[in-house]
Amino acid sequence: MYRYILFDLDGTLTDSREGIVHCVRETILGYGDPLPEEETLLRFIGPPLQDSFIRFCGYGAEKAAEAVERFRLIYEPVGQYENRAAPGMEAVMGRLRENGRVLALASSKPENLCVSICERFGFTPHLTALVGSPPHGDWEKEDVVREALRQLGVTDPSQALMVGDRKFDVCGARACGVDCVGVEFFGYAPPGELREAGAVAVVKTPEELEEFILSH
């Protein structure tokens, strides 16, 4: 049985498309750089931001780190509120907890923003641990998964399950010995990405996610 359930945030518990794309766009324009196509901007949702600025904008490591700080100056007062919860997810989390599952957040997003967003959407009461990246420098997914396991006191990773929407969630979980179920609530992963990365299952709705977890 998967006793411990670790949730990603962006693209999993919430649809953060509007806020992230808006703030990435403003960050790039602030440098006077050409904007990537909309499809490329959507790929900023999920992975660590610094990696995305390097990969999709061609920034060096120093400029990418600065871009992350500029992004956060826009995102914290504005972008985080351009967001919506996955329909029915808060209720699903409640039922999972009632069925003996221990829930946690494991997100690469800065932890202070994770706290704010989870409180706003009513997720916090269901979470035994709430783990995000430290204030400076994005952690990789493996880092936040490992920290969530530590805070939960998990000694057997096979009892834990990661829930995420991109290959970074799958790979970060696997690096810690944890299975991952992929979700396609908002469709940010390219077709086939989650299964190719090694997700143990891929679900399309919060209700399908609940059914999978309770049957395992």
C-alpha atoms as a PDB file:
ATOM      1  CA  MET A   1       0.000   0.000   0.000  1.00  0.00           C
ATOM      2  CA  TYR A   2       1.140   3.522  -0.767  1.00  0.00           C
ATOM      3  CA  ARG A   3       0.824   5.101   2.669  1.00  0.00           C
ATOM      4  CA  TYR A   4       2.631   8.382   1.950  1.00  0.00           C
ATOM      5  CA  ILE A   5       1.429  10.526  -0.966  1.00  0.00           C
ATOM      6  CA  LEU A   6       3.646  13.387  -2.164  1.00  0.00           C
ATOM      7  CA  PHE A   7       2.027  15.991  -4.405  1.00  0.00           C
ATOM      8  CA  ASP A   8       3.601  18.328  -6.904  1.00  0.00           C
ATOM      9  CA  LEU A   9       1.987  21.791  -7.003  1.00  0.00           C
ATOM     10  CA  ASP A  10       2.082  23.506 -10.418  1.00  0.00           C
ATOM     11  CA  GLY A  11       0.129  21.507 -12.988  1.00  0.00           C
ATOM     12  CA  THR A  12      -0.964  18.971 -10.360  1.00  0.00           C
ATOM     13  CA  LEU A  13      -2.793  20.586  -7.449  1.00  0.00           C
ATOM     14  CA  THR A  14      -3.256  23.855  -9.333  1.00  0.00           C
ATOM     15  CA  ASP A  15      -3.386  25.226 -12.852  1.00  0.00           C
ATOM     16  CA  SER A  16      -0.727  27.921 -12.640  1.00  0.00           C
ATOM     17  CA  ARG A  17      -0.505  28.565 -16.376  1.00  0.00           C
ATOM     18  CA  GLU A  18      -1.720  32.156 -16.417  1.00  0.00           C
ATOM     19  CA  GLY A  19       0.520  33.419 -13.625  1.00  0.00           C
ATOM     20  CA  ILE A  20       3.708  31.613 -14.658  1.00  0.00           C
ATOM     21  CA  VAL A  21       3.444  32.458 -18.353  1.00  0.00           C
ATOM     22  CA  HIS A  22       2.613  36.082 -17.577  1.00  0.00           C
ATOM     23  CA  CYS A  23       5.618  36.484 -15.279  1.00  0.00           C
ATOM     24  CA  VAL A  24       8.035  34.620 -17.572  1.00  0.00           C
ATOM     25  CA  ARG A  25       6.921  36.840 -20.441  1.00  0.00           C
ATOM     26  CA  GLU A  26       7.444  40.015 -18.390  1.00  0.00           C
ATOM     27  CA  THR A  27      10.854  38.802 -17.208  1.00  0.00           C
ATOM     28  CA  ILE A  28      12.094  38.147 -20.736  1.00  0.00           C
ATOM     29  CA  LEU A  29      10.693  41.409 -22.062  1.00  0.00           C
ATOM     30  CA  GLY A  30      12.396  43.209 -19.176  1.00  0.00           C
ATOM     31  CA  TYR A  31      15.722  42.193 -20.705  1.00  0.00           C
ATOM     32  CA  GLY A  32      14.582  43.328 -24.144  1.00  0.00           C
ATOM     33  CA  ASP A  33      14.988  39.763 -25.394  1.00  0.00           C
ATOM     34  CA  PRO A  34      12.733  38.143 -28.017  1.00  0.00           C
ATOM     35  CA  LEU A  35       9.861  36.110 -26.636  1.00  0.00           C
ATOM     36  CA  PRO A  36       9.742  32.365 -27.309  1.00  0.00           C
ATOM     37  CA  GLU A  37       6.584  30.988 -28.890  1.00  0.00           C
ATOM     38  CA  GLU A  38       3.586  30.416 -26.601  1.00  0.00           C
ATOM     39  CA  GLU A  39       4.115  26.643 -26.723  1.00  0.00           C
ATOM     40  CA  THR A  40       7.643  27.138 -25.394  1.00  0.00           C
ATOM     41  CA  LEU A  41       6.456  29.486 -22.631  1.00  0.00           C
ATOM     42  CA  LEU A  42       4.121  26.738 -21.429  1.00  0.00           C
ATOM     43  CA  ARG A  43       7.121  24.473 -20.928  1.00  0.00           C
ATOM     44  CA  PHE A  44       8.258  26.718 -18.073  1.00  0.00           C
ATOM     45  CA  ILE A  45       5.457  25.183 -16.000  1.00  0.00           C
ATOM     46  CA  GLY A  46       6.873  22.428 -13.817  1.00  0.00           C
ATOM     47  CA  PRO A  47      10.673  22.302 -14.203  1.00  0.00           C
ATOM     48  CA  PRO A  48      13.051  24.453 -12.116  1.00  0.00           C
ATOM     49  CA  LEU A  49      12.905  27.967 -13.571  1.00  0.00           C
ATOM     50  CA  GLN A  50      16.649  28.441 -13.847  1.00  0.00           C
ATOM     51  CA  ASP A  51      16.947  25.346 -16.042  1.00  0.00           C
ATOM     52  CA  SER A  52      14.116  26.612 -18.253  1.00  0.00           C
ATOM     53  CA  PHE A  53      15.675  30.054 -18.763  1.00  0.00           C
ATOM     54  CA  ILE A  54      18.903  28.317 -19.811  1.00  0.00           C
ATOM     55  CA  ARG A  55      17.195  25.803 -22.074  1.00  0.00           C
ATOM     56  CA  PHE A  56      14.536  27.927 -23.732  1.00  0.00           C
ATOM     57  CA  CYS A  57      16.119  31.404 -23.712  1.00  0.00           C
ATOM     58  CA  GLY A  58      19.786  30.501 -24.122  1.00  0.00           C
ATOM     59  CA  TYR A  59      20.778  32.318 -20.928  1.00  0.00           C
ATOM     60  CA  GLY A  60      24.029  31.539 -19.175  1.00  0.00           C
ATOM     61  CA  ALA A  61      23.886  30.309 -15.588  1.00  0.00           C
ATOM     62  CA  GLU A  62      24.428  33.768 -14.057  1.00  0.00           C
ATOM     63  CA  LYS A  63      21.775  35.487 -16.179  1.00  0.00           C
ATOM     64  CA  ALA A  64      19.347  32.610 -15.622  1.00  0.00           C
ATOM     65  CA  ALA A  65      19.763  32.918 -11.848  1.00  0.00           C
ATOM     66  CA  GLU A  66      19.133  36.661 -12.100  1.00  0.00           C
ATOM     67  CA  ALA A  67      16.082  36.001 -14.294  1.00  0.00           C
ATOM     68  CA  VAL A  68      14.643  33.753 -11.586  1.00  0.00           C
ATOM     69  CA  GLU A  69      14.954  36.570  -9.052  1.00  0.00           C
ATOM     70  CA  ARG A  70      13.294  39.020 -11.469  1.00  0.00           C
ATOM     71  CA  PHE A  71      10.519  36.515 -12.112  1.00  0.00           C
ATOM     72  CA  ARG A  72       9.858  36.147  -8.382  1.00  0.00           C
ATOM     73  CA  LEU A  73       9.606  39.918  -7.907  1.00  0.00           C
ATOM     74  CA  ILE A  74       6.650  39.833 -10.313  1.00  0.00           C
ATOM     75  CA  TYR A  75       5.225  36.459  -9.322  1.00  0.00           C
ATOM     76  CA  GLU A  76       5.002  36.938  -5.559  1.00  0.00           C
ATOM     77  CA  PRO A  77       2.693  40.000  -5.571  1.00  0.00           C
ATOM     78  CA  VAL A  78       0.823  39.191  -8.805  1.00  0.00           C
ATOM     79  CA  GLY A  79       1.452  35.864 -10.528  1.00  0.00           C
ATOM     80  CA  GLN A  80       0.720  33.525  -7.635  1.00  0.00           C
ATOM     81  CA  TYR A  81      -2.869  34.797  -7.597  1.00  0.00           C
ATOM     82  CA  GLU A  82      -3.325  34.069 -11.316  1.00  0.00           C
ATOM     83  CA  ASN A  83      -3.950  30.458 -10.433  1.00  0.00           C
ATOM     84  CA  ARG A  84      -6.800  27.989  -9.820  1.00  0.00           C
ATOM     85  CA  ALA A  85      -7.137  24.696  -7.998  1.00  0.00           C
ATOM     86  CA  ALA A  86      -7.639  21.448  -9.861  1.00  0.00           C
ATOM     87  CA  PRO A  87     -11.414  20.834  -9.671  1.00  0.00           C
ATOM     88  CA  GLY A  88     -12.271  18.459  -6.837  1.00  0.00           C
ATOM     89  CA  MET A  89      -8.684  18.019  -5.670  1.00  0.00           C
ATOM     90  CA  GLU A  90      -9.155  19.409  -2.167  1.00  0.00           C
ATOM     91  CA  ALA A  91     -12.026  16.968  -1.572  1.00  0.00           C
ATOM     92  CA  VAL A  92      -9.945  14.072  -2.936  1.00  0.00           C
ATOM     93  CA  MET A  93      -7.125  14.954  -0.547  1.00  0.00           C
ATOM     94  CA  GLY A  94      -9.592  14.928   2.335  1.00  0.00           C
ATOM     95  CA  ARG A  95     -10.875  11.485   1.452  1.00  0.00           C
ATOM     96  CA  LEU A  96      -7.357  10.098   1.042  1.00  0.00           C
ATOM     97  CA  ARG A  97      -6.460  11.351   4.488  1.00  0.00           C
ATOM     98  CA  GLU A  98      -9.632   9.820   5.932  1.00  0.00           C
ATOM     99  CA  ASN A  99      -8.528   6.514   4.408  1.00  0.00           C
ATOM    100  CA  GLY A 100      -5.240   6.581   6.303  1.00  0.00           C
ATOM    101  CA  ARG A 101      -2.934   8.136   3.730  1.00  0.00           C
ATOM    102  CA  VAL A 102      -0.357  10.675   4.901  1.00  0.00           C
ATOM    103  CA  LEU A 103      -0.128  13.594   2.474  1.00  0.00           C
ATOM    104  CA  ALA A 104       2.707  16.006   1.753  1.00  0.00           C
ATOM    105  CA  LEU A 105       3.666  18.643  -0.780  1.00  0.00           C
ATOM    106  CA  ALA A 106       6.959  18.244  -2.653  1.00  0.00           C
ATOM    107  CA  SER A 107       7.393  21.161  -5.065  1.00  0.00           C
ATOM    108  CA  SER A 108      10.379  22.874  -6.690  1.00  0.00           C
ATOM    109  CA  LYS A 109       8.551  26.186  -6.177  1.00  0.00           C
ATOM    110  CA  PRO A 110       9.928  28.428  -3.379  1.00  0.00           C
ATOM    111  CA  GLU A 111       8.520  27.203  -0.105  1.00  0.00           C
ATOM    112  CA  ASN A 112       7.039  30.547   0.960  1.00  0.00           C
ATOM    113  CA  LEU A 113       4.922  30.598  -2.203  1.00  0.00           C
ATOM    114  CA  CYS A 114       3.926  26.957  -1.689  1.00  0.00           C
ATOM    115  CA  VAL A 115       2.681  27.842   1.787  1.00  0.00           C
ATOM    116  CA  SER A 116       0.687  30.828   0.525  1.00  0.00           C
ATOM    117  CA  ILE A 117      -0.931  28.939  -2.367  1.00  0.00           C
ATOM    118  CA  CYS A 118      -1.781  25.830  -0.332  1.00  0.00           C
ATOM    119  CA  GLU A 119      -3.381  27.946   2.376  1.00  0.00           C
ATOM    120  CA  ARG A 120      -5.453  29.873  -0.160  1.00  0.00           C
ATOM    121  CA  PHE A 121      -6.873  26.759  -1.810  1.00  0.00           C
ATOM    122  CA  GLY A 122      -7.510  24.830   1.410  1.00  0.00           C
ATOM    123  CA  PHE A 123      -4.832  22.164   0.889  1.00  0.00           C
ATOM    124  CA  THR A 124      -2.809  22.925   4.026  1.00  0.00           C
ATOM    125  CA  PRO A 125      -5.030  21.113   6.576  1.00  0.00           C
ATOM    126  CA  HIS A 126      -4.512  17.877   4.637  1.00  0.00           C
ATOM    127  CA  LEU A 127      -0.702  18.137   4.508  1.00  0.00           C
ATOM    128  CA  THR A 128       1.551  16.654   7.174  1.00  0.00           C
ATOM    129  CA  ALA A 129       4.617  18.184   5.482  1.00  0.00           C
ATOM    130  CA  LEU A 130       4.858  21.096   3.056  1.00  0.00           C
ATOM    131  CA  VAL A 131       8.196  21.182   1.238  1.00  0.00           C
ATOM    132  CA  GLY A 132       9.382  23.627  -1.411  1.00  0.00           C
ATOM    133  CA  SER A 133      12.698  25.045  -2.567  1.00  0.00           C
ATOM    134  CA  PRO A 134      14.786  27.307  -0.307  1.00  0.00           C
ATOM    135  CA  PRO A 135      14.676  31.089  -0.925  1.00  0.00           C
ATOM    136  CA  HIS A 136      17.791  31.210  -3.109  1.00  0.00           C
ATOM    137  CA  GLY A 137      18.388  28.674  -5.849  1.00  0.00           C
ATOM    138  CA  ASP A 138      15.876  26.130  -7.076  1.00  0.00           C
ATOM    139  CA  TRP A 139      16.242  22.605  -5.763  1.00  0.00           C
ATOM    140  CA  GLU A 140      15.910  19.738  -8.178  1.00  0.00           C
ATOM    141  CA  LYS A 141      12.856  17.521  -7.746  1.00  0.00           C
ATOM    142  CA  GLU A 142      15.002  14.831  -6.162  1.00  0.00           C
ATOM    143  CA  ASP A 143      15.957  17.273  -3.400  1.00  0.00           C
ATOM    144  CA  VAL A 144      12.391  18.191  -2.446  1.00  0.00           C
ATOM    145  CA  VAL A 145      11.231  14.570  -2.571  1.00  0.00           C
ATOM    146  CA  ARG A 146      14.075  13.511  -0.302  1.00  0.00           C
ATOM    147  CA  GLU A 147      13.316  16.334   2.150  1.00  0.00           C
ATOM    148  CA  ALA A 148       9.609  15.460   2.197  1.00  0.00           C
ATOM    149  CA  LEU A 149      10.454  11.835   2.978  1.00  0.00           C
ATOM    150  CA  ARG A 150      12.746  12.993   5.777  1.00  0.00           C
ATOM    151  CA  GLN A 151      10.097  15.230   7.309  1.00  0.00           C
ATOM    152  CA  LEU A 152       7.534  12.445   7.147  1.00  0.00           C
ATOM    153  CA  GLY A 153       9.935   9.975   8.734  1.00  0.00           C
ATOM    154  CA  VAL A 154       9.662   7.539   5.811  1.00  0.00           C
ATOM    155  CA  THR A 155      12.164   4.693   6.134  1.00  0.00           C
ATOM    156  CA  ASP A 156      10.817   2.547   3.287  1.00  0.00           C
ATOM    157  CA  PRO A 157      10.468   4.593   0.038  1.00  0.00           C
ATOM    158  CA  SER A 158       8.344   1.841  -1.513  1.00  0.00           C
ATOM    159  CA  GLN A 159       5.521   2.981   0.782  1.00  0.00           C
ATOM    160  CA  ALA A 160       5.540   6.444  -0.834  1.00  0.00           C
ATOM    161  CA  LEU A 161       4.009   7.654  -4.089  1.00  0.00           C
ATOM    162  CA  MET A 162       4.774  10.889  -5.939  1.00  0.00           C
ATOM    163  CA  VAL A 163       1.952  12.584  -7.873  1.00  0.00           C
ATOM    164  CA  GLY A 164       3.121  14.904 -10.635  1.00  0.00           C
ATOM    165  CA  ASP A 165       2.468  16.165 -14.127  1.00  0.00           C
ATOM    166  CA  ARG A 166       5.927  16.160 -15.752  1.00  0.00           C
ATOM    167  CA  LYS A 167       8.864  13.809 -16.268  1.00  0.00           C
ATOM    168  CA  PHE A 168      10.829  15.811 -13.693  1.00  0.00           C
ATOM    169  CA  ASP A 169       8.442  14.536 -11.017  1.00  0.00           C
ATOM    170  CA  VAL A 170       8.828  10.954 -12.201  1.00  0.00           C
ATOM    171  CA  CYS A 171      12.620  11.080 -12.441  1.00  0.00           C
ATOM    172  CA  GLY A 172      13.067  12.948  -9.154  1.00  0.00           C
ATOM    173  CA  ALA A 173      10.900  10.423  -7.346  1.00  0.00           C
ATOM    174  CA  ARG A 174      12.661   7.438  -8.904  1.00  0.00           C
ATOM    175  CA  ALA A 175      16.037   8.832  -7.806  1.00  0.00           C
ATOM    176  CA  CYS A 176      14.720   8.497  -4.251  1.00  0.00           C
ATOM    177  CA  GLY A 177      13.273   5.013  -4.767  1.00  0.00           C
ATOM    178  CA  VAL A 178       9.706   6.328  -4.977  1.00  0.00           C
ATOM    179  CA  ASP A 179       7.069   5.436  -7.584  1.00  0.00           C
ATOM    180  CA  CYS A 180       5.266   8.226  -9.405  1.00  0.00           C
ATOM    181  CA  VAL A 181       1.798   8.425 -10.910  1.00  0.00           C
ATOM    182  CA  GLY A 182       1.460  10.981 -13.695  1.00  0.00           C
ATOM    183  CA  VAL A 183      -1.539  13.280 -13.975  1.00  0.00           C
ATOM    184  CA  GLU A 184      -2.881  14.888 -17.127  1.00  0.00           C
ATOM    185  CA  PHE A 185      -5.366  17.281 -15.521  1.00  0.00           C
ATOM    186  CA  PHE A 186      -4.114  20.261 -17.527  1.00  0.00           C
ATOM    187  CA  GLY A 187      -2.058  18.599 -20.256  1.00  0.00           C
ATOM    188  CA  TYR A 188       1.299  20.318 -19.804  1.00  0.00           C
ATOM    189  CA  ALA A 189       3.381  17.206 -20.506  1.00  0.00           C
ATOM    190  CA  PRO A 190       4.022  16.315 -24.161  1.00  0.00           C
ATOM    191  CA  PRO A 191       2.167  13.155 -25.255  1.00  0.00           C
ATOM    192  CA  GLY A 192       3.810  10.028 -23.878  1.00  0.00           C
ATOM    193  CA  GLU A 193       6.295  11.900 -21.675  1.00  0.00           C
ATOM    194  CA  LEU A 194       5.056  10.560 -18.340  1.00  0.00           C
ATOM    195  CA  ARG A 195       4.952   6.897 -19.341  1.00  0.00           C
ATOM    196  CA  GLU A 196       8.302   7.124 -21.120  1.00  0.00           C
ATOM    197  CA  ALA A 197       9.830   8.587 -17.952  1.00  0.00           C
ATOM    198  CA  GLY A 198       8.578   5.563 -15.986  1.00  0.00           C
ATOM    199  CA  ALA A 199       5.306   6.619 -14.347  1.00  0.00           C
ATOM    200  CA  VAL A 200       3.552   3.595 -12.829  1.00  0.00           C
ATOM    201  CA  ALA A 201       0.231   4.957 -14.131  1.00  0.00           C
ATOM    202  CA  VAL A 202      -1.171   8.036 -15.871  1.00  0.00           C
ATOM    203  CA  VAL A 203      -4.573   9.445 -14.870  1.00  0.00           C
ATOM    204  CA  LYS A 204      -6.711  12.188 -16.346  1.00  0.00           C
ATOM    205  CA  THR A 205      -8.873  13.357 -13.418  1.00  0.00           C
ATOM    206  CA  PRO A 206      -8.541  13.767  -9.636  1.00  0.00           C
ATOM    207  CA  GLU A 207     -11.156  11.045  -9.230  1.00  0.00           C
ATOM    208  CA  GLU A 208      -9.069   8.607 -11.292  1.00  0.00           C
ATOM    209  CA  LEU A 209      -6.094   9.520  -9.126  1.00  0.00           C
ATOM    210  CA  GLU A 210      -8.078   8.786  -5.969  1.00  0.00           C
ATOM    211  CA  GLU A 211      -9.201   5.417  -7.344  1.00  0.00           C
ATOM    212  CA  PHE A 212      -5.621   4.463  -8.248  1.00  0.00           C
ATOM    213  CA  ILE A 213      -4.222   5.388  -4.837  1.00  0.00           C
ATOM    214  CA  LEU A 214      -6.955   3.644  -2.846  1.00  0.00           C
ATOM    215  CA  SER A 215      -6.548   0.470  -4.911  1.00  0.00           C
ATOM    216  CA  HIS A 216      -2.814   0.360  -4.246  1.00  0.00           C
END
